[in-house]
C-alpha cells in the first residue's frame, strides 16, 4: 500500500491510495475501502502535513504521501 497524494479536491481533503496495483482516488474521511490487503477505513486526512490516518485490521496507521507500508515482492 502506498499513499500517492493528499490534497484538497472540491474544497475538502482527499487522498489517492494504491493497494496491490489498484488506485483509489478521492478517498475522504469516513470512507471504507475493501482491498486485497483487507478493509481500510480513512480516519483523518491532513493536507498540510500530507498525512493519512487509517485503520487496518484494528491497527491505526499514520502514513505520509509517498510512504509505502506494505509491498509484495
PDB file of N, CA and C in Angstrom:
ATOM      1  N   UNK A   1       0.836  -1.165   0.000  1.00  0.00           N
ATOM      2  CA  UNK A   1       0.000   0.000   0.000  1.00  0.00           C
ATOM      3  C   UNK A   1       0.883   1.231   0.000  1.00  0.00           C
ATOM      4  N   UNK A   2       0.490   2.207  -0.810  1.00  0.00           N
ATOM      5  CA  UNK A   2       1.248   3.446  -0.905  1.00  0.00           C
ATOM      6  C   UNK A   2       0.287   4.630  -0.972  1.00  0.00           C
ATOM      7  N   UNK A   3       0.611   5.684  -0.237  1.00  0.00           N
ATOM      8  CA  UNK A   3      -0.153   6.922  -0.310  1.00  0.00           C
ATOM      9  C   UNK A   3       0.432   7.718  -1.476  1.00  0.00           C
ATOM     10  N   UNK A   4      -0.361   7.931  -2.515  1.00  0.00           N
ATOM     11  CA  UNK A   4       0.126   8.641  -3.690  1.00  0.00           C
ATOM     12  C   UNK A   4       0.033  10.149  -3.522  1.00  0.00           C
ATOM     13  N   UNK A   5      -1.071  10.625  -2.901  1.00  0.00           N
ATOM     14  CA  UNK A   5      -1.218  12.068  -2.703  1.00  0.00           C
ATOM     15  C   UNK A   5      -2.253  12.353  -1.622  1.00  0.00           C
ATOM     16  N   UNK A   6      -2.112  13.542  -1.033  1.00  0.00           N
ATOM     17  CA  UNK A   6      -3.113  14.087  -0.102  1.00  0.00           C
ATOM     18  C   UNK A   6      -3.265  15.544  -0.507  1.00  0.00           C
ATOM     19  N   UNK A   7      -4.461  15.915  -0.934  1.00  0.00           N
ATOM     20  CA  UNK A   7      -4.685  17.267  -1.425  1.00  0.00           C
ATOM     21  C   UNK A   7      -6.143  17.668  -1.253  1.00  0.00           C
ATOM     22  N   UNK A   8      -6.410  18.923  -1.518  1.00  0.00           N
ATOM     23  CA  UNK A   8      -7.788  19.412  -1.453  1.00  0.00           C
ATOM     24  C   UNK A   8      -8.443  19.184  -2.809  1.00  0.00           C
ATOM     25  N   UNK A   9      -9.581  18.497  -2.792  1.00  0.00           N
ATOM     26  CA  UNK A   9     -10.343  18.220  -4.007  1.00  0.00           C
ATOM     27  C   UNK A   9     -11.778  18.660  -3.747  1.00  0.00           C
ATOM     28  N   UNK A  10     -12.256  19.592  -4.528  1.00  0.00           N
ATOM     29  CA  UNK A  10     -13.626  20.080  -4.345  1.00  0.00           C
ATOM     30  C   UNK A  10     -13.831  20.744  -2.992  1.00  0.00           C
ATOM     31  N   UNK A  11     -12.785  21.353  -2.449  1.00  0.00           N
ATOM     32  CA  UNK A  11     -12.885  22.078  -1.190  1.00  0.00           C
ATOM     33  C   UNK A  11     -12.707  21.244   0.062  1.00  0.00           C
ATOM     34  N   UNK A  12     -12.440  19.947  -0.098  1.00  0.00           N
ATOM     35  CA  UNK A  12     -12.267  19.076   1.070  1.00  0.00           C
ATOM     36  C   UNK A  12     -11.046  18.183   0.876  1.00  0.00           C
ATOM     37  N   UNK A  13     -10.409  17.775   1.985  1.00  0.00           N
ATOM     38  CA  UNK A  13      -9.242  16.890   1.877  1.00  0.00           C
ATOM     39  C   UNK A  13      -9.606  15.542   1.240  1.00  0.00           C
ATOM     40  N   UNK A  14      -8.695  15.050   0.411  1.00  0.00           N
ATOM     41  CA  UNK A  14      -8.888  13.751  -0.229  1.00  0.00           C
ATOM     42  C   UNK A  14      -7.519  13.118  -0.460  1.00  0.00           C
ATOM     43  N   UNK A  15      -7.486  11.804  -0.444  1.00  0.00           N
ATOM     44  CA  UNK A  15      -6.240  11.070  -0.662  1.00  0.00           C
ATOM     45  C   UNK A  15      -6.404  10.130  -1.843  1.00  0.00           C
ATOM     46  N   UNK A  16      -5.268   9.866  -2.494  1.00  0.00           N
ATOM     47  CA  UNK A  16      -5.210   8.838  -3.519  1.00  0.00           C
ATOM     48  C   UNK A  16      -4.276   7.761  -2.991  1.00  0.00           C
ATOM     49  N   UNK A  17      -4.793   6.535  -2.944  1.00  0.00           N
ATOM     50  CA  UNK A  17      -4.084   5.424  -2.321  1.00  0.00           C
ATOM     51  C   UNK A  17      -3.979   4.280  -3.330  1.00  0.00           C
ATOM     52  N   UNK A  18      -2.810   3.644  -3.367  1.00  0.00           N
ATOM     53  CA  UNK A  18      -2.603   2.492  -4.253  1.00  0.00           C
ATOM     54  C   UNK A  18      -2.399   1.249  -3.401  1.00  0.00           C
ATOM     55  N   UNK A  19      -3.192   0.227  -3.670  1.00  0.00           N
ATOM     56  CA  UNK A  19      -3.088  -1.045  -2.949  1.00  0.00           C
ATOM     57  C   UNK A  19      -3.009  -2.168  -3.975  1.00  0.00           C
ATOM     58  N   UNK A  20      -1.897  -2.891  -3.973  1.00  0.00           N
ATOM     59  CA  UNK A  20      -1.701  -4.041  -4.862  1.00  0.00           C
ATOM     60  C   UNK A  20      -2.103  -3.747  -6.301  1.00  0.00           C
ATOM     61  N   UNK A  21      -1.679  -2.587  -6.818  1.00  0.00           N
ATOM     62  CA  UNK A  21      -1.920  -2.244  -8.213  1.00  0.00           C
ATOM     63  C   UNK A  21      -3.223  -1.527  -8.489  1.00  0.00           C
ATOM     64  N   UNK A  22      -4.123  -1.442  -7.524  1.00  0.00           N
ATOM     65  CA  UNK A  22      -5.396  -0.735  -7.694  1.00  0.00           C
ATOM     66  C   UNK A  22      -5.283   0.640  -7.057  1.00  0.00           C
ATOM     67  N   UNK A  23      -5.706   1.675  -7.790  1.00  0.00           N
ATOM     68  CA  UNK A  23      -5.654   3.047  -7.293  1.00  0.00           C
ATOM     69  C   UNK A  23      -7.048   3.486  -6.859  1.00  0.00           C
ATOM     70  N   UNK A  24      -7.137   3.990  -5.641  1.00  0.00           N
ATOM     71  CA  UNK A  24      -8.384   4.502  -5.075  1.00  0.00           C
ATOM     72  C   UNK A  24      -8.244   6.013  -4.988  1.00  0.00           C
ATOM     73  N   UNK A  25      -9.020   6.747  -5.808  1.00  0.00           N
ATOM     74  CA  UNK A  25      -8.920   8.202  -5.879  1.00  0.00           C
ATOM     75  C   UNK A  25      -9.974   8.871  -5.002  1.00  0.00           C
ATOM     76  N   UNK A  26      -9.651  10.095  -4.584  1.00  0.00           N
ATOM     77  CA  UNK A  26     -10.567  10.952  -3.830  1.00  0.00           C
ATOM     78  C   UNK A  26     -11.154  10.265  -2.599  1.00  0.00           C
ATOM     79  N   UNK A  27     -10.316   9.585  -1.834  1.00  0.00           N
ATOM     80  CA  UNK A  27     -10.739   8.948  -0.596  1.00  0.00           C
ATOM     81  C   UNK A  27     -10.913  10.025   0.473  1.00  0.00           C
ATOM     82  N   UNK A  28     -12.025   9.997   1.167  1.00  0.00           N
ATOM     83  CA  UNK A  28     -12.354  11.016   2.163  1.00  0.00           C
ATOM     84  C   UNK A  28     -12.439  10.396   3.550  1.00  0.00           C
ATOM     85  N   UNK A  29     -12.416  11.253   4.568  1.00  0.00           N
ATOM     86  CA  UNK A  29     -12.569  10.781   5.947  1.00  0.00           C
ATOM     87  C   UNK A  29     -13.895  10.028   6.059  1.00  0.00           C
ATOM     88  N   UNK A  30     -13.832   8.844   6.654  1.00  0.00           N
ATOM     89  CA  UNK A  30     -15.009   8.005   6.818  1.00  0.00           C
ATOM     90  C   UNK A  30     -15.164   6.938   5.751  1.00  0.00           C
ATOM     91  N   UNK A  31     -14.472   7.101   4.625  1.00  0.00           N
ATOM     92  CA  UNK A  31     -14.551   6.092   3.560  1.00  0.00           C
ATOM     93  C   UNK A  31     -13.950   4.772   4.036  1.00  0.00           C
ATOM     94  N   UNK A  32     -14.554   3.680   3.592  1.00  0.00           N
ATOM     95  CA  UNK A  32     -14.049   2.340   3.868  1.00  0.00           C
ATOM     96  C   UNK A  32     -13.738   1.687   2.529  1.00  0.00           C
ATOM     97  N   UNK A  33     -12.492   1.249   2.380  1.00  0.00           N
ATOM     98  CA  UNK A  33     -12.054   0.604   1.149  1.00  0.00           C
ATOM     99  C   UNK A  33     -11.924  -0.892   1.369  1.00  0.00           C
ATOM    100  N   UNK A  34     -12.520  -1.667   0.490  1.00  0.00           N
ATOM    101  CA  UNK A  34     -12.335  -3.122   0.517  1.00  0.00           C
ATOM    102  C   UNK A  34     -11.241  -3.430  -0.491  1.00  0.00           C
ATOM    103  N   UNK A  35     -10.073  -3.842   0.008  1.00  0.00           N
ATOM    104  CA  UNK A  35      -8.916  -4.063  -0.854  1.00  0.00           C
ATOM    105  C   UNK A  35      -8.423  -5.496  -0.725  1.00  0.00           C
ATOM    106  N   UNK A  36      -7.479  -5.848  -1.572  1.00  0.00           N
ATOM    107  CA  UNK A  36      -6.871  -7.177  -1.494  1.00  0.00           C
ATOM    108  C   UNK A  36      -6.033  -7.321  -0.228  1.00  0.00           C
ATOM    109  N   UNK A  37      -5.669  -6.201   0.387  1.00  0.00           N
ATOM    110  CA  UNK A  37      -4.881  -6.184   1.625  1.00  0.00           C
ATOM    111  C   UNK A  37      -5.786  -6.210   2.848  1.00  0.00           C
ATOM    112  N   UNK A  38      -7.086  -6.119   2.644  1.00  0.00           N
ATOM    113  CA  UNK A  38      -8.065  -6.077   3.730  1.00  0.00           C
ATOM    114  C   UNK A  38      -8.798  -4.752   3.727  1.00  0.00           C
ATOM    115  N   UNK A  39      -9.702  -4.615   4.679  1.00  0.00           N
ATOM    116  CA  UNK A  39     -10.510  -3.408   4.777  1.00  0.00           C
ATOM    117  C   UNK A  39      -9.703  -2.267   5.392  1.00  0.00           C
ATOM    118  N   UNK A  40      -9.809  -1.087   4.776  1.00  0.00           N
ATOM    119  CA  UNK A  40      -9.103   0.105   5.241  1.00  0.00           C
ATOM    120  C   UNK A  40     -10.130   1.212   5.436  1.00  0.00           C
ATOM    121  N   UNK A  41     -10.129   1.846   6.608  1.00  0.00           N
ATOM    122  CA  UNK A  41     -11.026   2.972   6.874  1.00  0.00           C
ATOM    123  C   UNK A  41     -10.183   4.233   7.037  1.00  0.00           C
ATOM    124  N   UNK A  42     -10.575   5.297   6.339  1.00  0.00           N
ATOM    125  CA  UNK A  42      -9.881   6.579   6.428  1.00  0.00           C
ATOM    126  C   UNK A  42     -10.392   7.308   7.667  1.00  0.00           C
ATOM    127  N   UNK A  43      -9.504   7.542   8.636  1.00  0.00           N
ATOM    128  CA  UNK A  43      -9.885   8.199   9.884  1.00  0.00           C
ATOM    129  C   UNK A  43      -9.644   9.702   9.845  1.00  0.00           C
ATOM    130  N   UNK A  44      -8.569  10.138   9.177  1.00  0.00           N
ATOM    131  CA  UNK A  44      -8.238  11.560   9.131  1.00  0.00           C
ATOM    132  C   UNK A  44      -7.307  11.833   7.956  1.00  0.00           C
ATOM    133  N   UNK A  45      -7.383  13.057   7.443  1.00  0.00           N
ATOM    134  CA  UNK A  45      -6.514  13.494   6.354  1.00  0.00           C
ATOM    135  C   UNK A  45      -5.982  14.880   6.691  1.00  0.00           C
ATOM    136  N   UNK A  46      -4.682  15.072   6.556  1.00  0.00           N
ATOM    137  CA  UNK A  46      -4.084  16.385   6.761  1.00  0.00           C
ATOM    138  C   UNK A  46      -3.392  16.812   5.473  1.00  0.00           C
ATOM    139  N   UNK A  47      -3.968  17.815   4.816  1.00  0.00           N
ATOM    140  CA  UNK A  47      -3.374  18.325   3.591  1.00  0.00           C
ATOM    141  C   UNK A  47      -2.062  19.029   3.906  1.00  0.00           C
ATOM    142  N   UNK A  48      -2.005  19.748   5.031  1.00  0.00           N
ATOM    143  CA  UNK A  48      -0.808  20.500   5.409  1.00  0.00           C
ATOM    144  C   UNK A  48       0.404  19.589   5.575  1.00  0.00           C
ATOM    145  N   UNK A  49       0.245  18.506   6.331  1.00  0.00           N
ATOM    146  CA  UNK A  49       1.366  17.595   6.567  1.00  0.00           C
ATOM    147  C   UNK A  49       1.384  16.423   5.586  1.00  0.00           C
ATOM    148  N   UNK A  50       0.348  16.340   4.736  1.00  0.00           N
ATOM    149  CA  UNK A  50       0.208  15.261   3.741  1.00  0.00           C
ATOM    150  C   UNK A  50       0.199  13.876   4.395  1.00  0.00           C
ATOM    151  N   UNK A  51      -0.539  13.780   5.509  1.00  0.00           N
ATOM    152  CA  UNK A  51      -0.610  12.538   6.276  1.00  0.00           C
ATOM    153  C   UNK A  51      -2.029  11.980   6.238  1.00  0.00           C
ATOM    154  N   UNK A  52      -2.114  10.669   6.044  1.00  0.00           N
ATOM    155  CA  UNK A  52      -3.380   9.939   6.099  1.00  0.00           C
ATOM    156  C   UNK A  52      -3.356   9.079   7.357  1.00  0.00           C
ATOM    157  N   UNK A  53      -4.416   9.177   8.151  1.00  0.00           N
ATOM    158  CA  UNK A  53      -4.582   8.296   9.305  1.00  0.00           C
ATOM    159  C   UNK A  53      -5.638   7.278   8.912  1.00  0.00           C
ATOM    160  N   UNK A  54      -5.276   6.003   9.015  1.00  0.00           N
ATOM    161  CA  UNK A  54      -6.227   4.967   8.605  1.00  0.00           C
ATOM    162  C   UNK A  54      -6.232   3.815   9.594  1.00  0.00           C
ATOM    163  N   UNK A  55      -7.289   3.041   9.507  1.00  0.00           N
ATOM    164  CA  UNK A  55      -7.464   1.863  10.356  1.00  0.00           C
ATOM    165  C   UNK A  55      -7.437   0.635   9.464  1.00  0.00           C
ATOM    166  N   UNK A  56      -6.531  -0.293   9.798  1.00  0.00           N
ATOM    167  CA  UNK A  56      -6.418  -1.542   9.045  1.00  0.00           C
ATOM    168  C   UNK A  56      -6.322  -2.692  10.041  1.00  0.00           C
ATOM    169  N   UNK A  57      -7.319  -3.571  10.033  1.00  0.00           N
ATOM    170  CA  UNK A  57      -7.354  -4.749  10.910  1.00  0.00           C
ATOM    171  C   UNK A  57      -7.096  -4.388  12.376  1.00  0.00           C
ATOM    172  N   UNK A  58      -7.746  -3.332  12.842  1.00  0.00           N
ATOM    173  CA  UNK A  58      -7.644  -2.937  14.244  1.00  0.00           C
ATOM    174  C   UNK A  58      -6.421  -2.108  14.584  1.00  0.00           C
ATOM    175  N   UNK A  59      -5.553  -1.856  13.615  1.00  0.00           N
ATOM    176  CA  UNK A  59      -4.336  -1.085  13.843  1.00  0.00           C
ATOM    177  C   UNK A  59      -4.446   0.278  13.163  1.00  0.00           C
ATOM    178  N   UNK A  60      -4.127   1.346  13.918  1.00  0.00           N
ATOM    179  CA  UNK A  60      -4.131   2.689  13.362  1.00  0.00           C
ATOM    180  C   UNK A  60      -2.752   2.967  12.761  1.00  0.00           C
ATOM    181  N   UNK A  61      -2.747   3.437  11.510  1.00  0.00           N
ATOM    182  CA  UNK A  61      -1.511   3.763  10.805  1.00  0.00           C
ATOM    183  C   UNK A  61      -1.538   5.227  10.387  1.00  0.00           C
ATOM    184  N   UNK A  62      -0.376   5.891  10.503  1.00  0.00           N
ATOM    185  CA  UNK A  62      -0.213   7.262  10.031  1.00  0.00           C
ATOM    186  C   UNK A  62       0.811   7.212   8.906  1.00  0.00           C
ATOM    187  N   UNK A  63       0.392   7.578   7.704  1.00  0.00           N
ATOM    188  CA  UNK A  63       1.275   7.466   6.547  1.00  0.00           C
ATOM    189  C   UNK A  63       1.356   8.787   5.797  1.00  0.00           C
ATOM    190  N   UNK A  64       2.572   9.184   5.451  1.00  0.00           N
ATOM    191  CA  UNK A  64       2.779  10.385   4.646  1.00  0.00           C
ATOM    192  C   UNK A  64       2.669  10.040   3.164  1.00  0.00           C
ATOM    193  N   UNK A  65       2.334  11.052   2.372  1.00  0.00           N
ATOM    194  CA  UNK A  65       2.309  10.861   0.928  1.00  0.00           C
ATOM    195  C   UNK A  65       3.666  10.359   0.461  1.00  0.00           C
ATOM    196  N   UNK A  66       3.673   9.329  -0.370  1.00  0.00           N
ATOM    197  CA  UNK A  66       4.898   8.721  -0.866  1.00  0.00           C
ATOM    198  C   UNK A  66       5.359   7.530  -0.055  1.00  0.00           C
ATOM    199  N   UNK A  67       4.825   7.383   1.138  1.00  0.00           N
ATOM    200  CA  UNK A  67       5.264   6.291   2.012  1.00  0.00           C
ATOM    201  C   UNK A  67       4.596   4.971   1.628  1.00  0.00           C
ATOM    202  N   UNK A  68       5.382   3.916   1.656  1.00  0.00           N
ATOM    203  CA  UNK A  68       4.883   2.566   1.372  1.00  0.00           C
ATOM    204  C   UNK A  68       4.845   1.808   2.699  1.00  0.00           C
ATOM    205  N   UNK A  69       3.707   1.178   3.001  1.00  0.00           N
ATOM    206  CA  UNK A  69       3.607   0.438   4.255  1.00  0.00           C
ATOM    207  C   UNK A  69       3.659  -1.066   4.033  1.00  0.00           C
ATOM    208  N   UNK A  70       3.285  -1.524   2.853  1.00  0.00           N
ATOM    209  CA  UNK A  70       3.245  -2.953   2.594  1.00  0.00           C
ATOM    210  C   UNK A  70       3.407  -3.160   1.106  1.00  0.00           C
ATOM    211  N   UNK A  71       4.295  -4.027   0.743  1.00  0.00           N
ATOM    212  CA  UNK A  71       4.501  -4.282  -0.685  1.00  0.00           C
ATOM    213  C   UNK A  71       4.911  -5.739  -0.872  1.00  0.00           C
ATOM    214  N   UNK A  72       4.257  -6.399  -1.800  1.00  0.00           N
ATOM    215  CA  UNK A  72       4.620  -7.789  -2.113  1.00  0.00           C
ATOM    216  C   UNK A  72       5.855  -7.775  -2.984  1.00  0.00           C
ATOM    217  N   UNK A  73       6.711  -8.781  -2.817  1.00  0.00           N
ATOM    218  CA  UNK A  73       7.916  -8.853  -3.664  1.00  0.00           C
ATOM    219  C   UNK A  73       7.570  -9.055  -5.131  1.00  0.00           C
TER     220      UNK A  73
END
